[in-house]
N, C-alpha and C. Protein backbone atom coordinates (compact mmCIF):
# COMPACT_ATOMS: atom_id res chain seq x y z
N MET A 1 -41.56 116.39 -190.36
CA MET A 1 -41.96 115.36 -191.31
C MET A 1 -40.91 115.27 -192.41
N THR A 2 -40.61 114.05 -192.80
CA THR A 2 -39.65 113.79 -193.86
C THR A 2 -40.33 112.98 -194.94
N THR A 3 -40.14 113.39 -196.17
CA THR A 3 -40.71 112.65 -197.29
C THR A 3 -39.58 111.88 -197.96
N ILE A 4 -39.78 110.55 -198.09
CA ILE A 4 -38.78 109.72 -198.75
C ILE A 4 -39.48 108.74 -199.68
N ASP A 5 -38.74 108.30 -200.68
CA ASP A 5 -39.26 107.32 -201.63
C ASP A 5 -38.80 105.95 -201.15
N LEU A 6 -39.75 105.11 -200.75
CA LEU A 6 -39.44 103.78 -200.21
C LEU A 6 -39.65 102.70 -201.25
N ASP A 7 -38.92 101.61 -201.10
CA ASP A 7 -39.11 100.43 -201.92
C ASP A 7 -40.42 99.78 -201.45
N ASP A 8 -41.44 99.84 -202.29
CA ASP A 8 -42.77 99.34 -201.90
C ASP A 8 -42.76 97.86 -201.56
N ASP A 9 -41.99 97.06 -202.31
CA ASP A 9 -41.93 95.62 -202.03
C ASP A 9 -41.29 95.36 -200.66
N ALA A 10 -40.20 96.06 -200.39
CA ALA A 10 -39.52 95.88 -199.10
C ALA A 10 -40.41 96.35 -197.96
N LEU A 11 -41.11 97.44 -198.14
CA LEU A 11 -42.02 97.93 -197.10
C LEU A 11 -43.16 96.94 -196.86
N GLU A 12 -43.69 96.38 -197.93
CA GLU A 12 -44.77 95.40 -197.80
C GLU A 12 -44.29 94.17 -197.03
N LYS A 13 -43.09 93.68 -197.36
CA LYS A 13 -42.53 92.53 -196.65
C LYS A 13 -42.31 92.86 -195.17
N ALA A 14 -41.78 94.04 -194.91
CA ALA A 14 -41.52 94.45 -193.52
C ALA A 14 -42.82 94.55 -192.74
N MET A 15 -43.86 95.04 -193.38
CA MET A 15 -45.15 95.17 -192.70
C MET A 15 -45.73 93.79 -192.40
N ARG A 16 -45.53 92.84 -193.32
CA ARG A 16 -46.00 91.46 -193.07
C ARG A 16 -45.24 90.85 -191.90
N VAL A 17 -43.93 91.00 -191.92
CA VAL A 17 -43.10 90.44 -190.85
C VAL A 17 -43.45 91.08 -189.51
N ALA A 18 -43.71 92.37 -189.52
CA ALA A 18 -44.02 93.09 -188.29
C ALA A 18 -45.41 92.74 -187.77
N GLY A 19 -46.23 92.16 -188.61
CA GLY A 19 -47.56 91.78 -188.18
C GLY A 19 -48.55 92.92 -188.13
N GLY A 20 -48.30 93.92 -188.89
CA GLY A 20 -49.23 95.04 -188.94
C GLY A 20 -48.59 96.33 -188.47
N GLY A 21 -49.44 97.26 -188.13
CA GLY A 21 -48.95 98.57 -187.74
C GLY A 21 -48.95 99.50 -188.93
N THR A 22 -48.63 100.72 -188.65
CA THR A 22 -48.60 101.72 -189.72
C THR A 22 -47.25 101.66 -190.43
N LYS A 23 -47.19 102.27 -191.59
CA LYS A 23 -45.92 102.35 -192.32
C LYS A 23 -44.88 103.05 -191.45
N LYS A 24 -45.31 104.12 -190.79
CA LYS A 24 -44.40 104.88 -189.93
C LYS A 24 -43.85 103.98 -188.82
N ASP A 25 -44.71 103.19 -188.18
CA ASP A 25 -44.27 102.30 -187.10
C ASP A 25 -43.25 101.28 -187.61
N VAL A 26 -43.54 100.71 -188.76
CA VAL A 26 -42.66 99.68 -189.33
C VAL A 26 -41.31 100.27 -189.72
N VAL A 27 -41.32 101.44 -190.35
CA VAL A 27 -40.07 102.08 -190.76
C VAL A 27 -39.25 102.47 -189.52
N ASN A 28 -39.89 103.03 -188.51
CA ASN A 28 -39.18 103.41 -187.29
C ASN A 28 -38.59 102.19 -186.59
N ALA A 29 -39.35 101.10 -186.53
CA ALA A 29 -38.84 99.87 -185.91
C ALA A 29 -37.65 99.34 -186.70
N ALA A 30 -37.74 99.39 -188.02
CA ALA A 30 -36.63 98.91 -188.86
C ALA A 30 -35.39 99.78 -188.66
N LEU A 31 -35.56 101.07 -188.55
CA LEU A 31 -34.42 101.95 -188.33
C LEU A 31 -33.76 101.69 -186.98
N ARG A 32 -34.59 101.50 -185.94
CA ARG A 32 -34.04 101.18 -184.62
C ARG A 32 -33.27 99.86 -184.66
N GLU A 33 -33.86 98.85 -185.28
CA GLU A 33 -33.20 97.54 -185.37
C GLU A 33 -31.89 97.65 -186.14
N TYR A 34 -31.88 98.40 -187.22
CA TYR A 34 -30.68 98.60 -188.03
C TYR A 34 -29.58 99.24 -187.19
N ALA A 35 -29.92 100.30 -186.46
CA ALA A 35 -28.93 101.00 -185.64
C ALA A 35 -28.42 100.09 -184.53
N GLU A 36 -29.32 99.37 -183.85
CA GLU A 36 -28.92 98.48 -182.77
C GLU A 36 -28.02 97.35 -183.28
N ARG A 37 -28.35 96.81 -184.45
CA ARG A 37 -27.55 95.73 -185.02
C ARG A 37 -26.13 96.22 -185.29
N HIS A 38 -26.00 97.42 -185.83
CA HIS A 38 -24.67 97.94 -186.13
C HIS A 38 -23.92 98.31 -184.85
N GLU A 39 -24.62 98.78 -183.83
CA GLU A 39 -23.96 99.05 -182.54
C GLU A 39 -23.44 97.75 -181.94
N ARG A 40 -24.26 96.69 -181.99
CA ARG A 40 -23.82 95.39 -181.47
C ARG A 40 -22.62 94.87 -182.26
N ALA A 41 -22.66 95.01 -183.58
CA ALA A 41 -21.55 94.54 -184.41
C ALA A 41 -20.27 95.30 -184.08
N ALA A 42 -20.39 96.59 -183.82
CA ALA A 42 -19.21 97.39 -183.45
C ALA A 42 -18.65 96.93 -182.11
N LEU A 43 -19.52 96.60 -181.15
CA LEU A 43 -19.05 96.11 -179.86
C LEU A 43 -18.37 94.75 -180.00
N VAL A 44 -18.95 93.88 -180.81
CA VAL A 44 -18.34 92.57 -181.04
C VAL A 44 -16.95 92.75 -181.67
N ALA A 45 -16.85 93.63 -182.65
CA ALA A 45 -15.57 93.87 -183.30
C ALA A 45 -14.56 94.43 -182.30
N LYS A 46 -15.00 95.33 -181.42
CA LYS A 46 -14.12 95.91 -180.42
C LYS A 46 -13.60 94.82 -179.48
N HIS A 47 -14.51 93.96 -178.99
CA HIS A 47 -14.10 92.90 -178.08
C HIS A 47 -13.25 91.85 -178.78
N PHE A 48 -13.56 91.57 -180.04
CA PHE A 48 -12.76 90.63 -180.81
C PHE A 48 -11.32 91.14 -180.94
N HIS A 49 -11.20 92.43 -181.25
CA HIS A 49 -9.87 93.03 -181.38
C HIS A 49 -9.13 92.96 -180.05
N ALA A 50 -9.82 93.28 -178.95
CA ALA A 50 -9.18 93.22 -177.64
C ALA A 50 -8.77 91.78 -177.31
N ALA A 51 -9.58 90.82 -177.69
CA ALA A 51 -9.29 89.41 -177.39
C ALA A 51 -8.05 88.93 -178.12
N GLN A 52 -7.72 89.55 -179.22
CA GLN A 52 -6.51 89.16 -179.96
C GLN A 52 -5.26 89.44 -179.16
N GLN A 53 -5.36 90.35 -178.18
CA GLN A 53 -4.22 90.73 -177.36
C GLN A 53 -4.11 89.88 -176.09
N TRP A 54 -5.11 89.08 -175.79
CA TRP A 54 -5.13 88.28 -174.57
C TRP A 54 -4.20 87.08 -174.72
N ASP A 55 -3.69 86.64 -173.59
CA ASP A 55 -2.96 85.38 -173.57
C ASP A 55 -3.43 84.57 -172.37
N TYR A 56 -3.43 83.27 -172.53
CA TYR A 56 -3.97 82.38 -171.52
C TYR A 56 -3.15 82.44 -170.23
N GLU A 57 -1.84 82.47 -170.35
CA GLU A 57 -0.99 82.51 -169.16
C GLU A 57 -1.22 83.79 -168.37
N GLY A 58 -1.34 84.89 -169.08
CA GLY A 58 -1.62 86.17 -168.41
C GLY A 58 -2.96 86.14 -167.71
N TRP A 59 -3.94 85.53 -168.34
CA TRP A 59 -5.26 85.42 -167.72
C TRP A 59 -5.18 84.57 -166.45
N GLN A 60 -4.47 83.44 -166.53
CA GLN A 60 -4.32 82.57 -165.36
C GLN A 60 -3.63 83.31 -164.22
N ARG A 61 -2.58 84.04 -164.54
CA ARG A 61 -1.83 84.79 -163.53
C ARG A 61 -2.73 85.82 -162.84
N ARG A 62 -3.50 86.57 -163.64
CA ARG A 62 -4.42 87.56 -163.06
C ARG A 62 -5.49 86.90 -162.22
N ARG A 63 -5.95 85.75 -162.65
CA ARG A 63 -7.00 85.03 -161.90
C ARG A 63 -6.48 84.60 -160.53
N VAL A 64 -5.26 84.05 -160.50
CA VAL A 64 -4.65 83.63 -159.24
C VAL A 64 -4.44 84.85 -158.34
N GLU A 65 -3.95 85.95 -158.92
CA GLU A 65 -3.72 87.17 -158.13
C GLU A 65 -5.03 87.69 -157.57
N ASP A 66 -6.10 87.65 -158.36
CA ASP A 66 -7.41 88.11 -157.88
C ASP A 66 -7.89 87.26 -156.73
N LYS A 67 -7.72 85.93 -156.85
CA LYS A 67 -8.15 85.03 -155.78
C LYS A 67 -7.34 85.25 -154.51
N GLN A 68 -6.04 85.45 -154.65
CA GLN A 68 -5.19 85.65 -153.47
C GLN A 68 -5.49 86.99 -152.81
N GLY A 69 -5.79 87.98 -153.61
CA GLY A 69 -6.10 89.30 -153.05
C GLY A 69 -7.44 89.32 -152.35
N GLY A 70 -8.36 88.43 -152.76
CA GLY A 70 -9.69 88.39 -152.18
C GLY A 70 -9.77 87.56 -150.92
N VAL A 71 -8.69 86.82 -150.60
CA VAL A 71 -8.69 85.92 -149.44
C VAL A 71 -8.36 86.69 -148.19
């Protein structure tokens, strides 16, 4: 068990949005959502960075090579 001091207004809003449940359920759901959102943002940033290195001609060349190799 962990004891923490929560923002009562924020918890009340979160409980309304969640449509009920216990404080524990709402806090756990919020923590999961927070972690998942940041994981998704990290993946988007990773793919965005990788996309900066792509070039259209290189993509076309690889696509043609893939098609020829599959024939």
